[in-house]
Amino acid sequence: MDIFKEPIPYQNASLCMKVWRFTQSGKEQKDVNPWHYHKEVEFILVEEGTHEIQTPNHVYSLNAGDVVVIGSSQLHRGRKIGDKDLVYIVLHIDLQPYFDPAMMMYYRHFLEILHPLEELNYIFRENEKVKKEIGMIITDTHSEVMGKNKGYEIAVSMHIKHLLLMLLRHDNRELLTTHVNVDADSDIIRSLVAFVDDHLTEKIEMGAVSQIAGMSYSYFSKYFKKKMGSSFTDYVNQKRISKAERLLVTENRSVNEIAESVGIENMAHFYELFKRFNGCTPKQYLRKMSVDSQIK
């Protein structure tokens, strides 16, 4: 399979985002674009034509006015459907910089600890008003970045925060809610998240992490679950399995090698965790990606 990590060149480094309008003409695209992923969250707004987007678990058929969100490092691919011209806007965002101290208490909601952001696409199916408003946010963001009028950086930042607010307020299924009401310590949370991301290939001892946070072992365990809505161990395991999913389809290595490369040496434990998060074994997941999930 052709799978690659797509580099996202930011149009403005301080905004940590890219927004671009694409146009495809001609007949229906028979071949599907390669699977790819990137750390940035992606929003797609179709303006004309039909765009088909596929993730490992879903196929979205997007027509004019439709919106879809794809989470950080989520494998996905797409193609043009039909003979009409396809026009769409793609917005890539690194969300982390947009969580200033006033917003930091909501940072954990968008970390995809319990639910991938992809599950929020139900909002666009069920709420036409919200879909239209987020479509306008994407269009306005594109106009600001392309026009680069004085203060456009402020306007873009406001648009992105408005987008996050819309998702948070209209998530009726409470996928973004961890049912904790505390003021997050932004510097500590950011450092812990970064530490886990940087050390997934190693053994991560909670005792060592608690020292980084400047807390005792027992206090840190309670602190992390209270702040993040998940135990530290579950959070690390979820991040490890997410990375294992990408390695399975991007590198020609055995399951044992991949398990070790994400810091899990016990294979029985790796299979147990993989099945918990994916509902299938690694080999079944790989087979689904290479055969069963082909777009017809």
C-alpha atoms as a PDB file:
ATOM      1  CA  MET A   1       0.000   0.000   0.000  1.00  0.00           C
ATOM      2  CA  ASP A   2       1.098   3.563  -0.702  1.00  0.00           C
ATOM      3  CA  ILE A   3       0.859   5.361   2.637  1.00  0.00           C
ATOM      4  CA  PHE A   4       2.763   8.442   3.665  1.00  0.00           C
ATOM      5  CA  LYS A   5       3.013  11.126   6.306  1.00  0.00           C
ATOM      6  CA  GLU A   6       1.948  14.306   4.549  1.00  0.00           C
ATOM      7  CA  PRO A   7       3.994  17.405   5.424  1.00  0.00           C
ATOM      8  CA  ILE A   8       1.796  20.448   6.002  1.00  0.00           C
ATOM      9  CA  PRO A   9       3.687  23.676   5.152  1.00  0.00           C
ATOM     10  CA  TYR A  10       2.095  26.445   7.185  1.00  0.00           C
ATOM     11  CA  GLN A  11       1.227  29.658   5.350  1.00  0.00           C
ATOM     12  CA  ASN A  12       1.960  31.520   8.564  1.00  0.00           C
ATOM     13  CA  ALA A  13       4.198  29.821  11.115  1.00  0.00           C
ATOM     14  CA  SER A  14       2.645  31.678  14.052  1.00  0.00           C
ATOM     15  CA  LEU A  15      -0.850  30.487  13.095  1.00  0.00           C
ATOM     16  CA  CYS A  16       0.215  26.825  12.731  1.00  0.00           C
ATOM     17  CA  MET A  17      -2.266  26.165   9.939  1.00  0.00           C
ATOM     18  CA  LYS A  18      -2.789  25.866   6.212  1.00  0.00           C
ATOM     19  CA  VAL A  19      -5.986  26.512   4.262  1.00  0.00           C
ATOM     20  CA  TRP A  20      -6.285  25.980   0.518  1.00  0.00           C
ATOM     21  CA  ARG A  21      -8.954  25.722  -2.161  1.00  0.00           C
ATOM     22  CA  PHE A  22      -8.618  22.826  -4.620  1.00  0.00           C
ATOM     23  CA  THR A  23     -10.328  22.334  -7.982  1.00  0.00           C
ATOM     24  CA  GLN A  24     -10.510  19.065  -9.903  1.00  0.00           C
ATOM     25  CA  SER A  25     -12.046  18.856 -13.371  1.00  0.00           C
ATOM     26  CA  GLY A  26     -12.822  15.978 -15.672  1.00  0.00           C
ATOM     27  CA  LYS A  27     -14.293  12.529 -15.279  1.00  0.00           C
ATOM     28  CA  GLU A  28     -14.801  10.553 -12.097  1.00  0.00           C
ATOM     29  CA  GLN A  29     -11.562   9.592 -10.387  1.00  0.00           C
ATOM     30  CA  LYS A  30     -11.350   5.802 -10.579  1.00  0.00           C
ATOM     31  CA  ASP A  31      -8.133   5.443  -8.602  1.00  0.00           C
ATOM     32  CA  VAL A  32      -8.193   6.359  -4.930  1.00  0.00           C
ATOM     33  CA  ASN A  33      -5.541   8.726  -3.601  1.00  0.00           C
ATOM     34  CA  PRO A  34      -2.968   7.080  -1.284  1.00  0.00           C
ATOM     35  CA  TRP A  35      -3.606   6.706   2.417  1.00  0.00           C
ATOM     36  CA  HIS A  36      -1.911   9.518   4.324  1.00  0.00           C
ATOM     37  CA  TYR A  37      -1.862  11.205   7.716  1.00  0.00           C
ATOM     38  CA  HIS A  38      -0.519  14.293   9.504  1.00  0.00           C
ATOM     39  CA  LYS A  39      -0.508  15.614  13.056  1.00  0.00           C
ATOM     40  CA  GLU A  40      -2.804  18.501  12.111  1.00  0.00           C
ATOM     41  CA  VAL A  41      -6.579  18.158  12.472  1.00  0.00           C
ATOM     42  CA  GLU A  42      -8.218  18.510   9.047  1.00  0.00           C
ATOM     43  CA  PHE A  43     -11.533  20.067   8.035  1.00  0.00           C
ATOM     44  CA  ILE A  44     -12.865  19.687   4.495  1.00  0.00           C
ATOM     45  CA  LEU A  45     -15.644  21.845   3.020  1.00  0.00           C
ATOM     46  CA  VAL A  46     -17.025  20.845  -0.390  1.00  0.00           C
ATOM     47  CA  GLU A  47     -18.217  23.820  -2.458  1.00  0.00           C
ATOM     48  CA  GLU A  48     -19.051  22.048  -5.747  1.00  0.00           C
ATOM     49  CA  GLY A  49     -19.278  18.441  -6.904  1.00  0.00           C
ATOM     50  CA  THR A  50     -18.916  15.260  -4.851  1.00  0.00           C
ATOM     51  CA  HIS A  51     -15.875  14.283  -2.800  1.00  0.00           C
ATOM     52  CA  GLU A  52     -15.519  10.836  -1.227  1.00  0.00           C
ATOM     53  CA  ILE A  53     -13.359  10.626   1.900  1.00  0.00           C
ATOM     54  CA  GLN A  54     -12.373   7.332   3.470  1.00  0.00           C
ATOM     55  CA  THR A  55     -10.938   6.536   6.907  1.00  0.00           C
ATOM     56  CA  PRO A  56     -10.294   2.998   8.186  1.00  0.00           C
ATOM     57  CA  ASN A  57     -13.804   2.848   9.654  1.00  0.00           C
ATOM     58  CA  HIS A  58     -15.941   5.225   7.586  1.00  0.00           C
ATOM     59  CA  VAL A  59     -16.666   6.403   4.048  1.00  0.00           C
ATOM     60  CA  TYR A  60     -18.051   9.940   3.679  1.00  0.00           C
ATOM     61  CA  SER A  61     -19.785  11.078   0.488  1.00  0.00           C
ATOM     62  CA  LEU A  62     -19.597  14.887   0.595  1.00  0.00           C
ATOM     63  CA  ASN A  63     -21.680  17.128  -1.639  1.00  0.00           C
ATOM     64  CA  ALA A  64     -21.809  20.923  -1.909  1.00  0.00           C
ATOM     65  CA  GLY A  65     -22.042  22.442   1.572  1.00  0.00           C
ATOM     66  CA  ASP A  66     -20.931  19.295   3.401  1.00  0.00           C
ATOM     67  CA  VAL A  67     -18.161  19.344   6.011  1.00  0.00           C
ATOM     68  CA  VAL A  68     -16.053  16.591   7.546  1.00  0.00           C
ATOM     69  CA  VAL A  69     -13.434  16.604  10.316  1.00  0.00           C
ATOM     70  CA  ILE A  70     -10.489  14.188  10.457  1.00  0.00           C
ATOM     71  CA  GLY A  71      -8.522  13.844  13.681  1.00  0.00           C
ATOM     72  CA  SER A  72      -4.815  14.212  14.323  1.00  0.00           C
ATOM     73  CA  SER A  73      -2.711  11.475  12.654  1.00  0.00           C
ATOM     74  CA  GLN A  74      -5.873   9.747  11.383  1.00  0.00           C
ATOM     75  CA  LEU A  75      -5.293   7.724   8.236  1.00  0.00           C
ATOM     76  CA  HIS A  76      -7.492   8.928   5.376  1.00  0.00           C
ATOM     77  CA  ARG A  77      -7.734   9.216   1.596  1.00  0.00           C
ATOM     78  CA  GLY A  78     -10.214  10.513  -0.964  1.00  0.00           C
ATOM     79  CA  ARG A  79     -11.293  10.793  -4.575  1.00  0.00           C
ATOM     80  CA  LYS A  80     -13.538  12.800  -6.905  1.00  0.00           C
ATOM     81  CA  ILE A  81     -16.940  11.266  -7.656  1.00  0.00           C
ATOM     82  CA  GLY A  82     -18.871  11.977 -10.863  1.00  0.00           C
ATOM     83  CA  ASP A  83     -18.017  14.068 -13.912  1.00  0.00           C
ATOM     84  CA  LYS A  84     -18.841  17.481 -12.442  1.00  0.00           C
ATOM     85  CA  ASP A  85     -16.020  19.755 -11.313  1.00  0.00           C
ATOM     86  CA  LEU A  86     -14.980  19.249  -7.701  1.00  0.00           C
ATOM     87  CA  VAL A  87     -14.163  22.370  -5.660  1.00  0.00           C
ATOM     88  CA  TYR A  88     -13.316  22.093  -1.983  1.00  0.00           C
ATOM     89  CA  ILE A  89     -11.408  23.856   0.795  1.00  0.00           C
ATOM     90  CA  VAL A  90      -9.040  21.991   3.116  1.00  0.00           C
ATOM     91  CA  LEU A  91      -8.132  23.484   6.484  1.00  0.00           C
ATOM     92  CA  HIS A  92      -5.252  21.937   8.441  1.00  0.00           C
ATOM     93  CA  ILE A  93      -4.723  23.109  12.021  1.00  0.00           C
ATOM     94  CA  ASP A  94      -2.359  22.278  14.847  1.00  0.00           C
ATOM     95  CA  LEU A  95      -4.886  22.954  17.613  1.00  0.00           C
ATOM     96  CA  GLN A  96      -2.493  23.072  20.547  1.00  0.00           C
ATOM     97  CA  PRO A  97      -1.294  26.687  20.110  1.00  0.00           C
ATOM     98  CA  TYR A  98      -4.884  27.953  20.141  1.00  0.00           C
ATOM     99  CA  PHE A  99      -5.442  26.892  23.747  1.00  0.00           C
ATOM    100  CA  ASP A 100      -4.371  29.938  25.722  1.00  0.00           C
ATOM    101  CA  PRO A 101      -4.730  29.998  29.551  1.00  0.00           C
ATOM    102  CA  ALA A 102      -8.389  31.037  29.307  1.00  0.00           C
ATOM    103  CA  MET A 103      -9.159  27.977  27.131  1.00  0.00           C
ATOM    104  CA  MET A 104      -6.748  25.466  28.620  1.00  0.00           C
ATOM    105  CA  MET A 105      -9.394  23.753  30.739  1.00  0.00           C
ATOM    106  CA  TYR A 106     -10.910  22.507  27.462  1.00  0.00           C
ATOM    107  CA  TYR A 107      -7.633  21.292  25.963  1.00  0.00           C
ATOM    108  CA  ARG A 108      -8.153  17.710  27.152  1.00  0.00           C
ATOM    109  CA  HIS A 109     -11.475  17.558  25.271  1.00  0.00           C
ATOM    110  CA  PHE A 110      -9.682  17.758  21.912  1.00  0.00           C
ATOM    111  CA  LEU A 111      -6.811  15.351  22.687  1.00  0.00           C
ATOM    112  CA  GLU A 112      -8.811  12.345  21.390  1.00  0.00           C
ATOM    113  CA  ILE A 113      -8.233  10.433  24.619  1.00  0.00           C
ATOM    114  CA  LEU A 114     -11.608   8.680  24.752  1.00  0.00           C
ATOM    115  CA  HIS A 115     -13.027   9.408  21.292  1.00  0.00           C
ATOM    116  CA  PRO A 116     -11.432  10.288  17.942  1.00  0.00           C
ATOM    117  CA  LEU A 117     -12.478  13.694  16.623  1.00  0.00           C
ATOM    118  CA  GLU A 118     -13.842  11.890  13.572  1.00  0.00           C
ATOM    119  CA  GLU A 119     -16.811  10.802  15.698  1.00  0.00           C
ATOM    120  CA  LEU A 120     -17.903  14.453  15.829  1.00  0.00           C
ATOM    121  CA  ASN A 121     -19.025  14.230  12.197  1.00  0.00           C
ATOM    122  CA  TYR A 122     -22.451  13.238  13.492  1.00  0.00           C
ATOM    123  CA  ILE A 123     -22.916  16.944  14.319  1.00  0.00           C
ATOM    124  CA  PHE A 124     -22.792  17.880  10.634  1.00  0.00           C
ATOM    125  CA  ARG A 125     -25.263  15.128   9.721  1.00  0.00           C
ATOM    126  CA  GLU A 126     -27.768  16.078  12.402  1.00  0.00           C
ATOM    127  CA  ASN A 127     -27.443  19.858  12.616  1.00  0.00           C
ATOM    128  CA  GLU A 128     -27.714  21.712   9.306  1.00  0.00           C
ATOM    129  CA  LYS A 129     -27.326  25.110  10.972  1.00  0.00           C
ATOM    130  CA  VAL A 130     -24.036  24.175  12.628  1.00  0.00           C
ATOM    131  CA  LYS A 131     -22.755  22.626   9.384  1.00  0.00           C
ATOM    132  CA  LYS A 132     -23.463  25.864   7.511  1.00  0.00           C
ATOM    133  CA  GLU A 133     -21.840  28.005  10.194  1.00  0.00           C
ATOM    134  CA  ILE A 134     -18.665  25.909  10.294  1.00  0.00           C
ATOM    135  CA  GLY A 135     -18.623  25.978   6.491  1.00  0.00           C
ATOM    136  CA  MET A 136     -18.688  29.782   6.675  1.00  0.00           C
ATOM    137  CA  ILE A 137     -15.873  29.752   9.241  1.00  0.00           C
ATOM    138  CA  ILE A 138     -13.718  27.674   6.866  1.00  0.00           C
ATOM    139  CA  THR A 139     -14.561  29.960   3.923  1.00  0.00           C
ATOM    140  CA  ASP A 140     -13.849  33.117   5.940  1.00  0.00           C
ATOM    141  CA  THR A 141     -10.565  31.676   7.210  1.00  0.00           C
ATOM    142  CA  HIS A 142      -9.515  30.966   3.631  1.00  0.00           C
ATOM    143  CA  SER A 143     -10.436  34.512   2.564  1.00  0.00           C
ATOM    144  CA  GLU A 144      -8.445  36.054   5.422  1.00  0.00           C
ATOM    145  CA  VAL A 145      -5.323  33.993   4.737  1.00  0.00           C
ATOM    146  CA  MET A 146      -5.451  34.609   1.000  1.00  0.00           C
ATOM    147  CA  GLY A 147      -6.161  38.339   1.374  1.00  0.00           C
ATOM    148  CA  LYS A 148      -3.647  38.986   4.169  1.00  0.00           C
ATOM    149  CA  ASN A 149      -5.284  42.272   5.128  1.00  0.00           C
ATOM    150  CA  LYS A 150      -4.060  44.088   8.222  1.00  0.00           C
ATOM    151  CA  GLY A 151      -4.912  42.053  11.296  1.00  0.00           C
ATOM    152  CA  TYR A 152      -5.744  38.876   9.401  1.00  0.00           C
ATOM    153  CA  GLU A 153      -3.814  36.868  12.002  1.00  0.00           C
ATOM    154  CA  ILE A 154      -6.248  38.072  14.671  1.00  0.00           C
ATOM    155  CA  ALA A 155      -9.213  37.243  12.442  1.00  0.00           C
ATOM    156  CA  VAL A 156      -7.924  33.717  11.728  1.00  0.00           C
ATOM    157  CA  SER A 157      -7.279  33.056  15.409  1.00  0.00           C
ATOM    158  CA  MET A 158     -10.826  34.168  16.216  1.00  0.00           C
ATOM    159  CA  HIS A 159     -12.248  31.948  13.467  1.00  0.00           C
ATOM    160  CA  ILE A 160     -10.395  28.860  14.744  1.00  0.00           C
ATOM    161  CA  LYS A 161     -11.540  29.465  18.310  1.00  0.00           C
ATOM    162  CA  HIS A 162     -15.093  29.987  17.056  1.00  0.00           C
ATOM    163  CA  LEU A 163     -14.873  26.659  15.237  1.00  0.00           C
ATOM    164  CA  LEU A 164     -13.744  24.887  18.427  1.00  0.00           C
ATOM    165  CA  LEU A 165     -16.539  26.560  20.374  1.00  0.00           C
ATOM    166  CA  MET A 166     -19.138  25.388  17.858  1.00  0.00           C
ATOM    167  CA  LEU A 167     -17.977  21.783  18.179  1.00  0.00           C
ATOM    168  CA  LEU A 168     -17.910  21.959  21.970  1.00  0.00           C
ATOM    169  CA  ARG A 169     -21.349  23.556  22.352  1.00  0.00           C
ATOM    170  CA  HIS A 170     -23.132  21.382  19.812  1.00  0.00           C
ATOM    171  CA  ASP A 171     -21.690  18.027  20.845  1.00  0.00           C
ATOM    172  CA  ASN A 172     -25.006  16.689  22.165  1.00  0.00           C
ATOM    173  CA  ARG A 173     -23.544  13.210  22.610  1.00  0.00           C
ATOM    174  CA  GLU A 174     -20.884  14.703  24.915  1.00  0.00           C
ATOM    175  CA  LEU A 175     -17.999  12.987  23.160  1.00  0.00           C
ATOM    176  CA  LEU A 176     -15.867  16.003  24.065  1.00  0.00           C
ATOM    177  CA  THR A 177     -16.961  16.020  27.696  1.00  0.00           C
ATOM    178  CA  THR A 178     -14.959  14.343  30.446  1.00  0.00           C
ATOM    179  CA  HIS A 179     -17.350  15.417  33.238  1.00  0.00           C
ATOM    180  CA  VAL A 180     -14.673  17.128  35.280  1.00  0.00           C
ATOM    181  CA  ASN A 181     -14.794  20.792  36.191  1.00  0.00           C
ATOM    182  CA  VAL A 182     -11.367  22.013  37.180  1.00  0.00           C
ATOM    183  CA  ASP A 183      -8.963  24.695  36.098  1.00  0.00           C
ATOM    184  CA  ALA A 184      -6.184  23.005  34.141  1.00  0.00           C
ATOM    185  CA  ASP A 185      -2.557  23.862  34.791  1.00  0.00           C
ATOM    186  CA  SER A 186      -1.600  24.620  31.209  1.00  0.00           C
ATOM    187  CA  ASP A 187       2.186  24.369  31.491  1.00  0.00           C
ATOM    188  CA  ILE A 188       2.078  21.062  33.360  1.00  0.00           C
ATOM    189  CA  ILE A 189      -0.490  19.480  31.024  1.00  0.00           C
ATOM    190  CA  ARG A 190       1.375  20.600  27.901  1.00  0.00           C
ATOM    191  CA  SER A 191       4.687  19.277  29.221  1.00  0.00           C
ATOM    192  CA  LEU A 192       3.146  15.912  30.138  1.00  0.00           C
ATOM    193  CA  VAL A 193       1.478  15.507  26.736  1.00  0.00           C
ATOM    194  CA  ALA A 194       4.730  16.428  24.968  1.00  0.00           C
ATOM    195  CA  PHE A 195       6.742  14.037  27.157  1.00  0.00           C
ATOM    196  CA  VAL A 196       4.469  11.109  26.315  1.00  0.00           C
ATOM    197  CA  ASP A 197       4.582  11.892  22.579  1.00  0.00           C
ATOM    198  CA  ASP A 198       8.385  12.086  22.646  1.00  0.00           C
ATOM    199  CA  HIS A 199       8.923   8.864  24.630  1.00  0.00           C
ATOM    200  CA  LEU A 200       6.346   6.422  23.233  1.00  0.00           C
ATOM    201  CA  THR A 201       9.098   4.089  22.041  1.00  0.00           C
ATOM    202  CA  GLU A 202      10.445   3.811  25.590  1.00  0.00           C
ATOM    203  CA  LYS A 203       9.166   2.463  28.868  1.00  0.00           C
ATOM    204  CA  ILE A 204       7.305   5.308  30.556  1.00  0.00           C
ATOM    205  CA  GLU A 205       7.303   5.005  34.318  1.00  0.00           C
ATOM    206  CA  MET A 206       4.599   6.970  36.098  1.00  0.00           C
ATOM    207  CA  GLY A 207       6.995   7.539  38.965  1.00  0.00           C
ATOM    208  CA  ALA A 208       9.421   9.358  36.672  1.00  0.00           C
ATOM    209  CA  VAL A 209       6.608  11.363  35.066  1.00  0.00           C
ATOM    210  CA  SER A 210       5.249  12.371  38.468  1.00  0.00           C
ATOM    211  CA  GLN A 211       8.690  13.762  39.307  1.00  0.00           C
ATOM    212  CA  ILE A 212       8.640  15.814  36.101  1.00  0.00           C
ATOM    213  CA  ALA A 213       5.282  17.212  37.232  1.00  0.00           C
ATOM    214  CA  GLY A 214       6.761  17.909  40.684  1.00  0.00           C
ATOM    215  CA  MET A 215       4.260  15.643  42.456  1.00  0.00           C
ATOM    216  CA  SER A 216       4.246  12.482  44.498  1.00  0.00           C
ATOM    217  CA  TYR A 217       3.299   9.244  42.732  1.00  0.00           C
ATOM    218  CA  SER A 218      -0.101   8.927  44.414  1.00  0.00           C
ATOM    219  CA  TYR A 219      -1.019  12.598  43.983  1.00  0.00           C
ATOM    220  CA  PHE A 220      -0.011  12.585  40.306  1.00  0.00           C
ATOM    221  CA  SER A 221      -2.196   9.547  39.592  1.00  0.00           C
ATOM    222  CA  LYS A 222      -5.267  11.338  40.954  1.00  0.00           C
ATOM    223  CA  TYR A 223      -4.235  14.673  39.439  1.00  0.00           C
ATOM    224  CA  PHE A 224      -3.903  13.315  35.884  1.00  0.00           C
ATOM    225  CA  LYS A 225      -7.242  11.523  35.912  1.00  0.00           C
ATOM    226  CA  LYS A 226      -8.966  14.598  37.362  1.00  0.00           C
ATOM    227  CA  LYS A 227      -7.463  16.921  34.770  1.00  0.00           C
ATOM    228  CA  MET A 228      -7.645  14.670  31.712  1.00  0.00           C
ATOM    229  CA  GLY A 229     -10.634  12.419  32.385  1.00  0.00           C
ATOM    230  CA  SER A 230      -8.500   9.304  31.872  1.00  0.00           C
ATOM    231  CA  SER A 231      -5.908   7.453  33.908  1.00  0.00           C
ATOM    232  CA  PHE A 232      -2.312   8.102  32.904  1.00  0.00           C
ATOM    233  CA  THR A 233      -1.835   4.439  31.955  1.00  0.00           C
ATOM    234  CA  ASP A 234      -4.915   4.415  29.700  1.00  0.00           C
ATOM    235  CA  TYR A 235      -3.792   7.647  28.051  1.00  0.00           C
ATOM    236  CA  VAL A 236      -0.336   6.242  27.270  1.00  0.00           C
ATOM    237  CA  ASN A 237      -1.790   2.977  25.987  1.00  0.00           C
ATOM    238  CA  GLN A 238      -4.181   4.812  23.675  1.00  0.00           C
ATOM    239  CA  LYS A 239      -1.302   6.857  22.241  1.00  0.00           C
ATOM    240  CA  ARG A 240       0.812   3.713  21.774  1.00  0.00           C
ATOM    241  CA  ILE A 241      -1.919   1.830  19.915  1.00  0.00           C
ATOM    242  CA  SER A 242      -2.673   4.847  17.712  1.00  0.00           C
ATOM    243  CA  LYS A 243       0.972   4.907  16.669  1.00  0.00           C
ATOM    244  CA  ALA A 244       0.960   1.124  16.152  1.00  0.00           C
ATOM    245  CA  GLU A 245      -1.997   1.461  13.757  1.00  0.00           C
ATOM    246  CA  ARG A 246      -0.001   3.818  11.533  1.00  0.00           C
ATOM    247  CA  LEU A 247       3.160   1.695  11.684  1.00  0.00           C
ATOM    248  CA  LEU A 248       1.238  -1.414  10.670  1.00  0.00           C
ATOM    249  CA  VAL A 249       0.263   0.113   7.346  1.00  0.00           C
ATOM    250  CA  THR A 250       3.274   2.325   6.693  1.00  0.00           C
ATOM    251  CA  GLU A 251       6.208   0.048   7.531  1.00  0.00           C
ATOM    252  CA  ASN A 252       7.052  -3.478   6.461  1.00  0.00           C
ATOM    253  CA  ARG A 253       7.708  -4.846   9.935  1.00  0.00           C
ATOM    254  CA  SER A 254       6.351  -7.731  11.984  1.00  0.00           C
ATOM    255  CA  VAL A 255       3.691  -7.198  14.630  1.00  0.00           C
ATOM    256  CA  ASN A 256       6.273  -8.058  17.296  1.00  0.00           C
ATOM    257  CA  GLU A 257       8.648  -5.382  16.025  1.00  0.00           C
ATOM    258  CA  ILE A 258       5.883  -2.799  15.914  1.00  0.00           C
ATOM    259  CA  ALA A 259       4.759  -3.645  19.442  1.00  0.00           C
ATOM    260  CA  GLU A 260       8.305  -3.147  20.692  1.00  0.00           C
ATOM    261  CA  SER A 261       8.673   0.102  18.751  1.00  0.00           C
ATOM    262  CA  VAL A 262       5.699   1.592  20.611  1.00  0.00           C
ATOM    263  CA  GLY A 263       7.041   0.497  23.983  1.00  0.00           C
ATOM    264  CA  ILE A 264       4.993  -2.691  24.548  1.00  0.00           C
ATOM    265  CA  GLU A 265       7.164  -5.777  24.992  1.00  0.00           C
ATOM    266  CA  ASN A 266       4.464  -8.188  26.183  1.00  0.00           C
ATOM    267  CA  MET A 267       2.731  -9.418  23.023  1.00  0.00           C
ATOM    268  CA  ALA A 268      -0.327 -10.731  24.813  1.00  0.00           C
ATOM    269  CA  HIS A 269      -0.803  -7.284  26.342  1.00  0.00           C
ATOM    270  CA  PHE A 270      -0.295  -5.635  22.963  1.00  0.00           C
ATOM    271  CA  TYR A 271      -2.957  -7.807  21.316  1.00  0.00           C
ATOM    272  CA  GLU A 272      -5.327  -7.173  24.212  1.00  0.00           C
ATOM    273  CA  LEU A 273      -4.884  -3.396  23.936  1.00  0.00           C
ATOM    274  CA  PHE A 274      -5.114  -3.384  20.139  1.00  0.00           C
ATOM    275  CA  LYS A 275      -8.367  -5.322  20.186  1.00  0.00           C
ATOM    276  CA  ARG A 276      -9.756  -3.068  22.928  1.00  0.00           C
ATOM    277  CA  PHE A 277      -9.207   0.067  20.845  1.00  0.00           C
ATOM    278  CA  ASN A 278      -9.936  -1.380  17.375  1.00  0.00           C
ATOM    279  CA  GLY A 279     -12.230  -4.348  17.888  1.00  0.00           C
ATOM    280  CA  CYS A 280      -9.893  -6.572  15.860  1.00  0.00           C
ATOM    281  CA  THR A 281      -6.385  -8.030  15.842  1.00  0.00           C
ATOM    282  CA  PRO A 282      -3.465  -6.236  14.146  1.00  0.00           C
ATOM    283  CA  LYS A 283      -3.529  -8.655  11.209  1.00  0.00           C
ATOM    284  CA  GLN A 284      -7.291  -8.201  10.771  1.00  0.00           C
ATOM    285  CA  TYR A 285      -6.795  -4.436  10.868  1.00  0.00           C
ATOM    286  CA  LEU A 286      -4.096  -4.606   8.200  1.00  0.00           C
ATOM    287  CA  ARG A 287      -6.224  -6.866   6.017  1.00  0.00           C
ATOM    288  CA  LYS A 288      -9.146  -4.469   6.342  1.00  0.00           C
ATOM    289  CA  MET A 289      -6.954  -1.554   5.314  1.00  0.00           C
ATOM    290  CA  SER A 290      -5.467  -3.310   2.289  1.00  0.00           C
ATOM    291  CA  VAL A 291      -8.464  -5.250   0.977  1.00  0.00           C
ATOM    292  CA  ASP A 292     -11.842  -4.946   2.677  1.00  0.00           C
ATOM    293  CA  SER A 293     -11.903  -1.146   2.882  1.00  0.00           C
ATOM    294  CA  GLN A 294     -11.311  -0.469  -0.819  1.00  0.00           C
ATOM    295  CA  ILE A 295     -13.646   2.246  -2.104  1.00  0.00           C
ATOM    296  CA  LYS A 296     -15.949   0.776  -4.740  1.00  0.00           C
END
